[in-house]
């Protein structure tokens, strides 16, 4: 089995426009003859690879700690495509997809409102992208809210550069942050090596 780390480094990845840069404060250091190394991190919950909970765009939506963990583990399809996907695009693609779908598009793939509507009527439980948002900047709210109402988890800011289109097993559990609208995660793809029956 091949393990692919598809997470971005939260401390070095560019942040969403307008968000603060992450900051690290060294509270203690072995170099300074302290008992241990201890760091403090300040960043948004949307820094680096992360999962949006429905609460992100909905006042009565679930927080990140309330989402079902089995959503973030299981069969997944990686699709190589660029641009703003429409409902018609999703109707064409979904018959070939598992219940978790990741879009590989060099940071240039987004779901339109019509694509979100089609996904909401499907069996998909998670969508992900290597862009910094699942939605285009001119229509963030509608796409996010539609997916959230359908119970579809959103995984953003993935690193899919070395990943080929195809089927994998995904593991992307969010950090447990009670009551918050998002959380960083370590996203992993598992790929079965060809010719091995283990």
N, C-alpha and C. Protein backbone atom coordinates (compact mmCIF):
# COMPACT_ATOMS: atom_id res chain seq x y z
N UNK A 1 0.84 -1.20 0.00
CA UNK A 1 0.00 0.00 0.00
C UNK A 1 0.88 1.25 0.00
N UNK A 2 0.50 2.23 -0.81
CA UNK A 2 1.21 3.50 -0.88
C UNK A 2 0.41 4.55 -0.11
N UNK A 3 1.07 5.31 0.75
CA UNK A 3 0.42 6.35 1.53
C UNK A 3 0.83 7.72 0.98
N UNK A 4 -0.16 8.51 0.58
CA UNK A 4 0.08 9.85 0.05
C UNK A 4 -0.39 10.89 1.07
N UNK A 5 0.50 11.75 1.49
CA UNK A 5 0.12 12.88 2.34
C UNK A 5 -0.35 14.01 1.43
N UNK A 6 -1.63 14.36 1.49
CA UNK A 6 -2.17 15.41 0.61
C UNK A 6 -2.52 16.67 1.40
N UNK A 7 -1.85 16.84 2.55
CA UNK A 7 -2.05 18.02 3.39
C UNK A 7 -1.02 19.09 3.03
N UNK A 8 -1.38 20.33 3.26
CA UNK A 8 -0.43 21.44 3.13
C UNK A 8 0.04 21.84 4.53
N UNK A 9 1.24 22.36 4.60
CA UNK A 9 1.81 22.83 5.87
C UNK A 9 1.06 24.09 6.32
N UNK A 10 0.42 24.01 7.45
CA UNK A 10 -0.39 25.14 7.94
C UNK A 10 0.44 26.39 8.20
N UNK A 11 1.73 26.23 8.47
CA UNK A 11 2.57 27.38 8.82
C UNK A 11 3.19 28.06 7.60
N UNK A 12 3.21 27.39 6.45
CA UNK A 12 3.87 27.97 5.28
C UNK A 12 2.95 28.18 4.08
N UNK A 13 1.77 27.58 4.08
CA UNK A 13 0.85 27.72 2.96
C UNK A 13 0.22 29.11 2.95
N UNK A 14 0.14 29.78 1.79
CA UNK A 14 -0.51 31.09 1.74
C UNK A 14 -1.93 31.02 2.30
N UNK A 15 -2.33 32.04 3.03
CA UNK A 15 -3.65 32.07 3.65
C UNK A 15 -4.68 32.64 2.67
N UNK A 16 -5.95 32.39 2.96
CA UNK A 16 -7.04 32.97 2.17
C UNK A 16 -6.94 34.49 2.25
N UNK A 17 -7.19 35.15 1.14
CA UNK A 17 -7.03 36.60 1.07
C UNK A 17 -7.81 37.31 2.19
N UNK A 18 -7.10 38.11 2.97
CA UNK A 18 -7.71 38.85 4.07
C UNK A 18 -7.54 38.18 5.42
N UNK A 19 -7.20 36.88 5.43
CA UNK A 19 -6.99 36.18 6.70
C UNK A 19 -5.60 36.51 7.27
N UNK A 20 -5.44 36.48 8.58
CA UNK A 20 -4.13 36.74 9.17
C UNK A 20 -3.16 35.60 8.93
N UNK A 21 -1.88 35.93 8.81
CA UNK A 21 -0.85 34.91 8.67
C UNK A 21 -0.70 34.16 9.99
N UNK A 22 -0.37 32.87 9.94
CA UNK A 22 -0.13 32.13 11.19
C UNK A 22 1.11 32.66 11.90
N UNK A 23 1.07 32.62 13.22
CA UNK A 23 2.20 33.09 14.03
C UNK A 23 2.59 32.02 15.04
N UNK A 24 3.88 31.84 15.23
CA UNK A 24 4.40 30.88 16.19
C UNK A 24 5.21 31.62 17.24
N UNK A 25 4.88 31.39 18.50
CA UNK A 25 5.63 31.99 19.62
C UNK A 25 6.30 30.87 20.41
N UNK A 26 7.60 31.00 20.61
CA UNK A 26 8.35 30.01 21.39
C UNK A 26 8.22 30.37 22.86
N UNK A 27 7.50 29.55 23.61
CA UNK A 27 7.27 29.83 25.03
C UNK A 27 8.44 29.36 25.89
N UNK A 28 9.04 28.27 25.50
CA UNK A 28 10.24 27.81 26.20
C UNK A 28 11.11 27.06 25.20
N UNK A 29 12.41 26.94 25.50
CA UNK A 29 13.35 26.36 24.56
C UNK A 29 14.49 25.66 25.27
N UNK A 30 14.81 24.46 24.81
CA UNK A 30 15.96 23.75 25.36
C UNK A 30 17.25 24.52 25.11
N UNK A 31 17.28 25.22 23.98
CA UNK A 31 18.45 26.02 23.64
C UNK A 31 18.69 27.12 24.67
N UNK A 32 17.58 27.61 25.28
CA UNK A 32 17.68 28.65 26.31
C UNK A 32 17.74 28.05 27.72
N UNK A 33 18.03 26.73 27.76
CA UNK A 33 18.18 26.00 29.02
C UNK A 33 16.87 25.83 29.78
N UNK A 34 15.73 25.93 29.05
CA UNK A 34 14.43 25.62 29.67
C UNK A 34 14.28 24.10 29.75
N UNK A 35 13.27 23.63 30.47
CA UNK A 35 13.06 22.19 30.64
C UNK A 35 12.64 21.48 29.36
N UNK A 36 12.00 22.24 28.45
CA UNK A 36 11.49 21.61 27.23
C UNK A 36 11.28 22.68 26.16
N UNK A 37 11.01 22.21 24.94
CA UNK A 37 10.56 23.09 23.86
C UNK A 37 9.04 23.18 23.92
N UNK A 38 8.50 24.38 23.90
CA UNK A 38 7.06 24.59 23.97
C UNK A 38 6.68 25.78 23.09
N UNK A 39 5.76 25.52 22.14
CA UNK A 39 5.37 26.55 21.19
C UNK A 39 3.89 26.89 21.30
N UNK A 40 3.56 28.12 20.93
CA UNK A 40 2.17 28.58 20.89
C UNK A 40 1.88 29.02 19.45
N UNK A 41 0.76 28.55 18.89
CA UNK A 41 0.41 28.87 17.51
C UNK A 41 -0.85 29.74 17.49
N UNK A 42 -0.82 30.77 16.65
CA UNK A 42 -2.00 31.61 16.45
C UNK A 42 -2.33 31.59 14.95
N UNK A 43 -3.50 31.06 14.60
CA UNK A 43 -3.92 31.01 13.20
C UNK A 43 -5.43 30.80 13.14
N UNK A 44 -6.03 31.02 11.97
CA UNK A 44 -7.46 30.77 11.83
C UNK A 44 -7.69 29.26 11.70
N UNK A 45 -8.92 28.85 11.89
CA UNK A 45 -9.27 27.43 11.74
C UNK A 45 -9.30 27.01 10.27
N UNK A 46 -9.13 27.98 9.36
CA UNK A 46 -9.15 27.71 7.92
C UNK A 46 -7.75 27.81 7.32
N UNK A 47 -6.73 27.75 8.15
CA UNK A 47 -5.35 27.82 7.67
C UNK A 47 -4.89 26.45 7.19
N UNK A 48 -4.20 26.42 6.04
CA UNK A 48 -3.71 25.15 5.50
C UNK A 48 -4.86 24.23 5.12
N UNK A 49 -4.61 22.93 5.11
CA UNK A 49 -5.64 21.94 4.78
C UNK A 49 -6.62 21.84 5.94
N UNK A 50 -7.90 22.02 5.65
CA UNK A 50 -8.90 22.09 6.72
C UNK A 50 -10.26 21.63 6.24
N UNK A 51 -11.15 21.43 7.20
CA UNK A 51 -12.53 21.03 6.91
C UNK A 51 -13.49 22.10 7.41
N UNK A 52 -14.41 22.51 6.54
CA UNK A 52 -15.46 23.46 6.92
C UNK A 52 -16.65 22.69 7.47
N UNK A 53 -17.15 23.14 8.59
CA UNK A 53 -18.40 22.60 9.14
C UNK A 53 -19.56 23.49 8.66
N UNK A 54 -20.80 23.00 8.70
CA UNK A 54 -21.95 23.81 8.30
C UNK A 54 -22.03 25.16 9.03
N UNK A 55 -21.53 25.21 10.26
CA UNK A 55 -21.56 26.45 11.04
C UNK A 55 -20.81 27.59 10.37
N UNK A 56 -19.93 27.29 9.45
CA UNK A 56 -19.13 28.31 8.77
C UNK A 56 -20.00 29.35 8.07
N UNK A 57 -21.11 28.91 7.46
CA UNK A 57 -21.97 29.84 6.75
C UNK A 57 -23.43 29.77 7.21
N UNK A 58 -23.68 29.06 8.31
CA UNK A 58 -25.05 28.93 8.79
C UNK A 58 -25.09 29.01 10.32
N UNK A 59 -25.85 29.94 10.86
CA UNK A 59 -25.91 30.15 12.31
C UNK A 59 -26.38 28.92 13.06
N UNK A 60 -27.27 28.15 12.45
CA UNK A 60 -27.78 26.96 13.13
C UNK A 60 -27.13 25.67 12.62
N UNK A 61 -26.01 25.80 11.90
CA UNK A 61 -25.32 24.64 11.36
C UNK A 61 -24.50 23.92 12.41
N UNK A 62 -24.14 22.69 12.15
CA UNK A 62 -23.33 21.90 13.07
C UNK A 62 -21.91 22.44 13.15
N UNK A 63 -21.33 22.35 14.34
CA UNK A 63 -19.92 22.71 14.52
C UNK A 63 -19.05 21.51 14.15
N UNK A 64 -17.76 21.74 14.03
CA UNK A 64 -16.85 20.71 13.53
C UNK A 64 -16.84 19.45 14.39
N UNK A 65 -17.01 19.60 15.70
CA UNK A 65 -16.97 18.44 16.59
C UNK A 65 -18.24 17.59 16.52
N UNK A 66 -19.28 18.10 15.87
CA UNK A 66 -20.54 17.38 15.77
C UNK A 66 -20.64 16.52 14.50
N UNK A 67 -19.70 16.67 13.58
CA UNK A 67 -19.78 15.94 12.32
C UNK A 67 -19.40 14.47 12.52
N UNK A 68 -20.06 13.59 11.79
CA UNK A 68 -19.81 12.15 11.90
C UNK A 68 -18.42 11.82 11.36
N UNK A 69 -17.64 11.11 12.13
CA UNK A 69 -16.27 10.81 11.73
C UNK A 69 -16.18 9.88 10.53
N UNK A 70 -17.19 9.02 10.33
CA UNK A 70 -17.12 8.11 9.18
C UNK A 70 -17.21 8.85 7.85
N UNK A 71 -17.63 10.11 7.90
CA UNK A 71 -17.64 10.94 6.69
C UNK A 71 -16.23 11.11 6.14
N UNK A 72 -15.24 11.13 7.03
CA UNK A 72 -13.87 11.50 6.65
C UNK A 72 -12.96 10.30 6.40
N UNK A 73 -13.56 9.12 6.31
CA UNK A 73 -12.77 7.91 6.04
C UNK A 73 -13.55 7.00 5.10
N UNK A 74 -12.90 6.63 3.99
CA UNK A 74 -13.55 5.70 3.09
C UNK A 74 -13.15 5.91 1.63
N UNK A 75 -13.84 5.21 0.75
CA UNK A 75 -13.54 5.25 -0.68
C UNK A 75 -13.72 6.66 -1.24
N UNK A 76 -12.80 7.01 -2.13
CA UNK A 76 -12.83 8.36 -2.68
C UNK A 76 -12.36 8.36 -4.13
N UNK A 77 -12.86 9.32 -4.89
CA UNK A 77 -12.47 9.49 -6.29
C UNK A 77 -11.78 10.83 -6.47
N UNK A 78 -10.61 10.80 -7.11
CA UNK A 78 -9.90 12.04 -7.45
C UNK A 78 -10.15 12.33 -8.92
N UNK A 79 -10.63 13.55 -9.20
CA UNK A 79 -10.94 13.96 -10.57
C UNK A 79 -10.01 15.12 -10.95
N UNK A 80 -9.35 15.02 -12.10
CA UNK A 80 -8.52 16.11 -12.61
C UNK A 80 -9.36 16.98 -13.53
N UNK A 81 -9.60 18.21 -13.09
CA UNK A 81 -10.43 19.13 -13.87
C UNK A 81 -10.18 20.55 -13.37
N UNK A 82 -10.23 21.52 -14.27
CA UNK A 82 -10.04 22.92 -13.89
C UNK A 82 -11.26 23.73 -14.28
N UNK A 83 -11.46 24.83 -13.56
CA UNK A 83 -12.55 25.74 -13.88
C UNK A 83 -13.66 25.70 -12.85
N UNK A 84 -14.71 26.44 -13.12
CA UNK A 84 -15.88 26.49 -12.24
C UNK A 84 -16.88 25.45 -12.75
N UNK A 85 -17.07 24.39 -11.97
CA UNK A 85 -17.94 23.30 -12.39
C UNK A 85 -19.41 23.66 -12.22
N UNK A 86 -20.20 23.30 -13.20
CA UNK A 86 -21.64 23.58 -13.19
C UNK A 86 -22.42 22.33 -12.80
N UNK A 87 -23.72 22.49 -12.68
CA UNK A 87 -24.58 21.35 -12.39
C UNK A 87 -24.48 20.30 -13.49
N UNK A 88 -24.40 20.75 -14.75
CA UNK A 88 -24.29 19.82 -15.88
C UNK A 88 -22.98 19.03 -15.79
N UNK A 89 -21.90 19.71 -15.39
CA UNK A 89 -20.62 19.02 -15.21
C UNK A 89 -20.75 17.92 -14.16
N UNK A 90 -21.41 18.24 -13.05
CA UNK A 90 -21.54 17.26 -11.97
C UNK A 90 -22.41 16.08 -12.38
N UNK A 91 -23.46 16.33 -13.14
CA UNK A 91 -24.31 15.24 -13.61
C UNK A 91 -23.52 14.29 -14.51
N UNK A 92 -22.57 14.84 -15.26
CA UNK A 92 -21.73 14.03 -16.14
C UNK A 92 -20.69 13.24 -15.35
N UNK A 93 -20.15 13.82 -14.27
CA UNK A 93 -19.06 13.20 -13.52
C UNK A 93 -19.52 12.22 -12.44
N UNK A 94 -20.62 12.52 -11.78
CA UNK A 94 -21.03 11.75 -10.60
C UNK A 94 -21.23 10.25 -10.83
N UNK A 95 -21.69 9.80 -12.00
CA UNK A 95 -21.84 8.35 -12.18
C UNK A 95 -20.53 7.58 -12.02
N UNK A 96 -19.39 8.25 -12.12
CA UNK A 96 -18.08 7.60 -12.03
C UNK A 96 -17.41 7.82 -10.67
N UNK A 97 -18.14 8.42 -9.73
CA UNK A 97 -17.54 8.83 -8.46
C UNK A 97 -18.00 7.99 -7.28
N UNK A 98 -17.10 7.85 -6.31
CA UNK A 98 -17.44 7.28 -5.02
C UNK A 98 -18.14 8.37 -4.18
N UNK A 99 -18.38 8.08 -2.90
CA UNK A 99 -19.13 9.01 -2.05
C UNK A 99 -18.29 10.18 -1.55
N UNK A 100 -16.98 10.10 -1.77
CA UNK A 100 -16.08 11.21 -1.45
C UNK A 100 -15.37 11.60 -2.74
N UNK A 101 -15.41 12.89 -3.08
CA UNK A 101 -14.87 13.34 -4.36
C UNK A 101 -13.88 14.48 -4.12
N UNK A 102 -12.67 14.33 -4.67
CA UNK A 102 -11.65 15.37 -4.57
C UNK A 102 -11.35 15.91 -5.96
N UNK A 103 -11.30 17.23 -6.08
CA UNK A 103 -11.05 17.87 -7.36
C UNK A 103 -9.61 18.37 -7.43
N UNK A 104 -8.87 17.84 -8.41
CA UNK A 104 -7.47 18.22 -8.62
C UNK A 104 -7.41 19.18 -9.80
N UNK A 105 -7.09 20.44 -9.51
CA UNK A 105 -7.10 21.43 -10.59
C UNK A 105 -6.09 22.54 -10.42
N UNK A 106 -4.96 22.25 -9.80
CA UNK A 106 -3.89 23.26 -9.61
C UNK A 106 -4.42 24.51 -8.91
N UNK A 107 -5.35 24.30 -7.97
CA UNK A 107 -5.90 25.43 -7.23
C UNK A 107 -6.91 26.26 -8.01
N UNK A 108 -7.40 25.72 -9.13
CA UNK A 108 -8.29 26.50 -10.00
C UNK A 108 -9.61 25.80 -10.26
N UNK A 109 -10.00 24.90 -9.36
CA UNK A 109 -11.28 24.19 -9.52
C UNK A 109 -12.24 24.59 -8.41
N UNK A 110 -13.45 24.99 -8.80
CA UNK A 110 -14.45 25.44 -7.84
C UNK A 110 -15.82 24.87 -8.22
N UNK A 111 -16.70 24.81 -7.24
CA UNK A 111 -18.07 24.35 -7.49
C UNK A 111 -19.01 25.56 -7.52
N UNK A 112 -19.79 25.65 -8.58
CA UNK A 112 -20.80 26.70 -8.67
C UNK A 112 -22.01 26.32 -7.81
N UNK A 113 -22.91 27.25 -7.67
CA UNK A 113 -24.14 27.00 -6.92
C UNK A 113 -24.93 25.85 -7.56
N UNK A 114 -24.99 25.82 -8.90
CA UNK A 114 -25.74 24.76 -9.57
C UNK A 114 -25.07 23.39 -9.37
N UNK A 115 -23.74 23.37 -9.30
CA UNK A 115 -23.03 22.12 -9.01
C UNK A 115 -23.36 21.63 -7.61
N UNK A 116 -23.44 22.57 -6.67
CA UNK A 116 -23.76 22.22 -5.28
C UNK A 116 -25.17 21.65 -5.19
N UNK A 117 -26.10 22.19 -5.97
CA UNK A 117 -27.48 21.70 -5.96
C UNK A 117 -27.52 20.25 -6.44
N UNK A 118 -26.80 19.94 -7.50
CA UNK A 118 -26.76 18.56 -8.01
C UNK A 118 -26.12 17.63 -6.98
N UNK A 119 -25.03 18.08 -6.36
CA UNK A 119 -24.38 17.27 -5.33
C UNK A 119 -25.30 17.02 -4.15
N UNK A 120 -26.11 18.01 -3.81
CA UNK A 120 -27.02 17.89 -2.67
C UNK A 120 -28.04 16.78 -2.88
N UNK A 121 -28.34 16.45 -4.13
CA UNK A 121 -29.30 15.39 -4.44
C UNK A 121 -28.61 14.05 -4.70
N UNK A 122 -27.29 14.00 -4.47
CA UNK A 122 -26.54 12.77 -4.74
C UNK A 122 -26.24 12.04 -3.43
N UNK A 123 -25.45 10.97 -3.53
CA UNK A 123 -25.05 10.21 -2.34
C UNK A 123 -23.68 10.63 -1.82
N UNK A 124 -23.13 11.70 -2.39
CA UNK A 124 -21.81 12.19 -1.97
C UNK A 124 -21.88 12.71 -0.54
N UNK A 125 -20.87 12.38 0.28
CA UNK A 125 -20.84 12.84 1.67
C UNK A 125 -19.71 13.83 1.93
N UNK A 126 -18.76 13.94 0.97
CA UNK A 126 -17.63 14.86 1.15
C UNK A 126 -17.12 15.30 -0.21
N UNK A 127 -16.81 16.60 -0.32
CA UNK A 127 -16.13 17.12 -1.51
C UNK A 127 -14.88 17.86 -1.06
N UNK A 128 -13.83 17.77 -1.88
CA UNK A 128 -12.58 18.43 -1.54
C UNK A 128 -11.95 19.06 -2.76
N UNK A 129 -11.06 20.02 -2.53
CA UNK A 129 -10.40 20.72 -3.62
C UNK A 129 -8.99 21.12 -3.22
N UNK A 130 -8.13 21.29 -4.23
CA UNK A 130 -6.80 21.81 -3.95
C UNK A 130 -6.76 23.34 -4.03
N UNK A 131 -7.92 23.94 -4.22
CA UNK A 131 -8.04 25.40 -4.14
C UNK A 131 -8.23 25.81 -2.68
N UNK A 132 -8.11 27.11 -2.40
CA UNK A 132 -8.27 27.56 -1.01
C UNK A 132 -9.72 27.64 -0.59
N UNK A 133 -10.64 27.43 -1.53
CA UNK A 133 -12.07 27.37 -1.21
C UNK A 133 -12.76 26.46 -2.20
N UNK A 134 -13.83 25.82 -1.79
CA UNK A 134 -14.61 24.96 -2.68
C UNK A 134 -15.43 25.79 -3.66
N UNK A 135 -15.67 27.06 -3.34
CA UNK A 135 -16.54 27.92 -4.14
C UNK A 135 -15.78 29.08 -4.75
N UNK A 136 -16.23 29.58 -5.89
CA UNK A 136 -15.61 30.77 -6.46
C UNK A 136 -15.85 31.98 -5.56
N UNK A 137 -14.95 32.93 -5.58
CA UNK A 137 -15.02 34.07 -4.65
C UNK A 137 -16.29 34.89 -4.78
N UNK A 138 -16.91 34.89 -5.97
CA UNK A 138 -18.11 35.70 -6.16
C UNK A 138 -19.38 35.03 -5.64
N UNK A 139 -19.29 33.76 -5.21
CA UNK A 139 -20.49 33.07 -4.73
C UNK A 139 -20.14 32.05 -3.64
N UNK A 140 -19.38 32.50 -2.66
CA UNK A 140 -18.97 31.62 -1.56
C UNK A 140 -20.16 31.09 -0.77
N UNK A 141 -21.04 31.99 -0.38
CA UNK A 141 -22.10 31.64 0.57
C UNK A 141 -23.08 30.61 0.03
N UNK A 142 -23.59 30.81 -1.18
CA UNK A 142 -24.61 29.90 -1.71
C UNK A 142 -24.11 28.47 -1.86
N UNK A 143 -22.89 28.33 -2.38
CA UNK A 143 -22.33 26.98 -2.56
C UNK A 143 -22.10 26.31 -1.22
N UNK A 144 -21.47 27.03 -0.28
CA UNK A 144 -21.21 26.47 1.05
C UNK A 144 -22.51 26.07 1.75
N UNK A 145 -23.50 26.95 1.72
CA UNK A 145 -24.76 26.68 2.43
C UNK A 145 -25.50 25.50 1.83
N UNK A 146 -25.50 25.38 0.51
CA UNK A 146 -26.19 24.28 -0.15
C UNK A 146 -25.56 22.94 0.21
N UNK A 147 -24.23 22.89 0.19
CA UNK A 147 -23.53 21.67 0.56
C UNK A 147 -23.76 21.35 2.04
N UNK A 148 -23.72 22.37 2.88
CA UNK A 148 -23.90 22.17 4.32
C UNK A 148 -25.29 21.63 4.64
N UNK A 149 -26.31 22.19 4.02
CA UNK A 149 -27.69 21.74 4.27
C UNK A 149 -27.88 20.28 3.85
N UNK A 150 -27.10 19.86 2.87
CA UNK A 150 -27.20 18.47 2.39
C UNK A 150 -26.33 17.52 3.22
N UNK A 151 -25.62 18.06 4.19
CA UNK A 151 -24.77 17.24 5.04
C UNK A 151 -23.48 16.81 4.37
N UNK A 152 -23.04 17.57 3.36
CA UNK A 152 -21.81 17.25 2.63
C UNK A 152 -20.64 18.02 3.25
N UNK A 153 -19.64 17.30 3.73
CA UNK A 153 -18.47 17.93 4.33
C UNK A 153 -17.60 18.56 3.25
N UNK A 154 -16.87 19.62 3.62
CA UNK A 154 -16.05 20.36 2.67
C UNK A 154 -14.59 20.33 3.13
N UNK A 155 -13.72 19.79 2.27
CA UNK A 155 -12.29 19.66 2.55
C UNK A 155 -11.55 20.58 1.58
N UNK A 156 -10.82 21.57 2.13
CA UNK A 156 -10.21 22.59 1.28
C UNK A 156 -8.70 22.66 1.44
N UNK A 157 -8.07 23.23 0.40
CA UNK A 157 -6.63 23.51 0.41
C UNK A 157 -5.79 22.24 0.48
N UNK A 158 -6.15 21.27 -0.34
CA UNK A 158 -5.39 20.02 -0.42
C UNK A 158 -4.16 20.18 -1.30
N UNK A 159 -3.21 19.28 -1.14
CA UNK A 159 -2.04 19.23 -2.01
C UNK A 159 -2.15 17.96 -2.86
N UNK A 160 -2.62 18.14 -4.09
CA UNK A 160 -2.87 16.99 -4.97
C UNK A 160 -1.91 16.96 -6.16
N UNK A 161 -0.81 17.69 -6.08
CA UNK A 161 0.12 17.79 -7.21
C UNK A 161 0.63 16.43 -7.68
N UNK A 162 0.92 15.54 -6.75
CA UNK A 162 1.51 14.25 -7.12
C UNK A 162 0.47 13.14 -7.27
N UNK A 163 -0.80 13.50 -7.22
CA UNK A 163 -1.87 12.50 -7.23
C UNK A 163 -2.49 12.40 -8.62
N UNK A 164 -2.61 11.17 -9.11
CA UNK A 164 -3.27 10.94 -10.39
C UNK A 164 -4.77 10.75 -10.18
N UNK A 165 -5.53 11.05 -11.20
CA UNK A 165 -6.97 10.80 -11.13
C UNK A 165 -7.20 9.31 -10.92
N UNK A 166 -8.22 9.00 -10.13
CA UNK A 166 -8.52 7.59 -9.88
C UNK A 166 -9.16 7.38 -8.53
N UNK A 167 -9.17 6.13 -8.08
CA UNK A 167 -9.83 5.78 -6.83
C UNK A 167 -8.81 5.48 -5.73
N UNK A 168 -9.13 5.96 -4.53
CA UNK A 168 -8.26 5.82 -3.36
C UNK A 168 -9.12 5.60 -2.13
N UNK A 169 -8.47 5.39 -0.99
CA UNK A 169 -9.12 5.47 0.30
C UNK A 169 -8.66 6.75 0.97
N UNK A 170 -9.60 7.54 1.47
CA UNK A 170 -9.30 8.82 2.10
C UNK A 170 -9.40 8.72 3.61
N UNK A 171 -8.47 9.37 4.29
CA UNK A 171 -8.55 9.56 5.74
C UNK A 171 -8.22 11.02 6.02
N UNK A 172 -9.19 11.77 6.56
CA UNK A 172 -8.99 13.21 6.78
C UNK A 172 -9.79 13.67 7.99
N UNK A 173 -9.43 13.19 9.17
CA UNK A 173 -10.17 13.54 10.38
C UNK A 173 -9.82 14.96 10.85
N UNK A 174 -10.85 15.76 11.16
CA UNK A 174 -10.59 17.11 11.67
C UNK A 174 -10.15 17.07 13.14
N UNK A 175 -9.34 18.06 13.52
CA UNK A 175 -9.01 18.23 14.94
C UNK A 175 -10.31 18.54 15.68
N UNK A 176 -10.48 18.02 16.88
CA UNK A 176 -11.70 18.24 17.66
C UNK A 176 -11.63 19.60 18.34
N UNK A 177 -12.40 20.55 17.81
CA UNK A 177 -12.45 21.93 18.34
C UNK A 177 -13.92 22.25 18.63
N UNK A 178 -14.34 21.97 19.84
CA UNK A 178 -15.75 22.08 20.21
C UNK A 178 -16.37 23.44 19.91
N UNK A 179 -17.45 23.43 19.15
CA UNK A 179 -18.23 24.64 18.90
C UNK A 179 -17.72 25.52 17.79
N UNK A 180 -16.64 25.12 17.10
CA UNK A 180 -16.08 25.98 16.06
C UNK A 180 -16.56 25.57 14.67
N UNK A 181 -16.34 26.47 13.71
CA UNK A 181 -16.90 26.33 12.35
C UNK A 181 -15.99 25.59 11.39
N UNK A 182 -14.76 25.28 11.81
CA UNK A 182 -13.82 24.57 10.94
C UNK A 182 -12.68 24.03 11.79
N UNK A 183 -11.84 23.20 11.16
CA UNK A 183 -10.67 22.68 11.87
C UNK A 183 -9.63 22.19 10.88
N UNK A 184 -8.36 22.37 11.20
CA UNK A 184 -7.30 21.78 10.37
C UNK A 184 -7.39 20.26 10.42
N UNK A 185 -6.84 19.60 9.40
CA UNK A 185 -6.79 18.14 9.40
C UNK A 185 -5.53 17.67 8.69
N UNK A 186 -5.18 16.42 8.89
CA UNK A 186 -4.10 15.78 8.15
C UNK A 186 -4.75 14.84 7.18
N UNK A 187 -4.75 15.20 5.91
CA UNK A 187 -5.44 14.42 4.88
C UNK A 187 -4.48 13.44 4.23
N UNK A 188 -4.90 12.18 4.14
CA UNK A 188 -4.09 11.09 3.61
C UNK A 188 -4.90 10.31 2.58
N UNK A 189 -4.23 9.90 1.49
CA UNK A 189 -4.82 8.97 0.54
C UNK A 189 -4.04 7.66 0.58
N UNK A 190 -4.77 6.54 0.60
CA UNK A 190 -4.16 5.22 0.55
C UNK A 190 -4.39 4.64 -0.85
N UNK A 191 -3.32 4.17 -1.46
CA UNK A 191 -3.39 3.59 -2.80
C UNK A 191 -2.87 2.16 -2.78
N UNK A 192 -3.66 1.25 -3.30
CA UNK A 192 -3.23 -0.15 -3.39
C UNK A 192 -2.21 -0.29 -4.52
N UNK A 193 -1.08 -0.92 -4.21
CA UNK A 193 -0.07 -1.15 -5.24
C UNK A 193 -0.54 -2.23 -6.20
N UNK A 194 -0.36 -1.97 -7.47
CA UNK A 194 -0.81 -2.91 -8.51
C UNK A 194 -0.01 -4.20 -8.44
N UNK A 195 -0.72 -5.31 -8.59
CA UNK A 195 -0.06 -6.61 -8.62
C UNK A 195 0.12 -7.23 -7.24
N UNK A 196 -0.28 -6.53 -6.20
CA UNK A 196 -0.13 -7.08 -4.85
C UNK A 196 -1.49 -7.47 -4.30
N UNK A 197 -1.61 -8.65 -3.81
CA UNK A 197 -2.87 -9.13 -3.23
C UNK A 197 -2.73 -9.31 -1.74
N UNK A 198 -2.46 -8.23 -1.04
CA UNK A 198 -2.28 -8.31 0.41
C UNK A 198 -3.34 -7.52 1.12
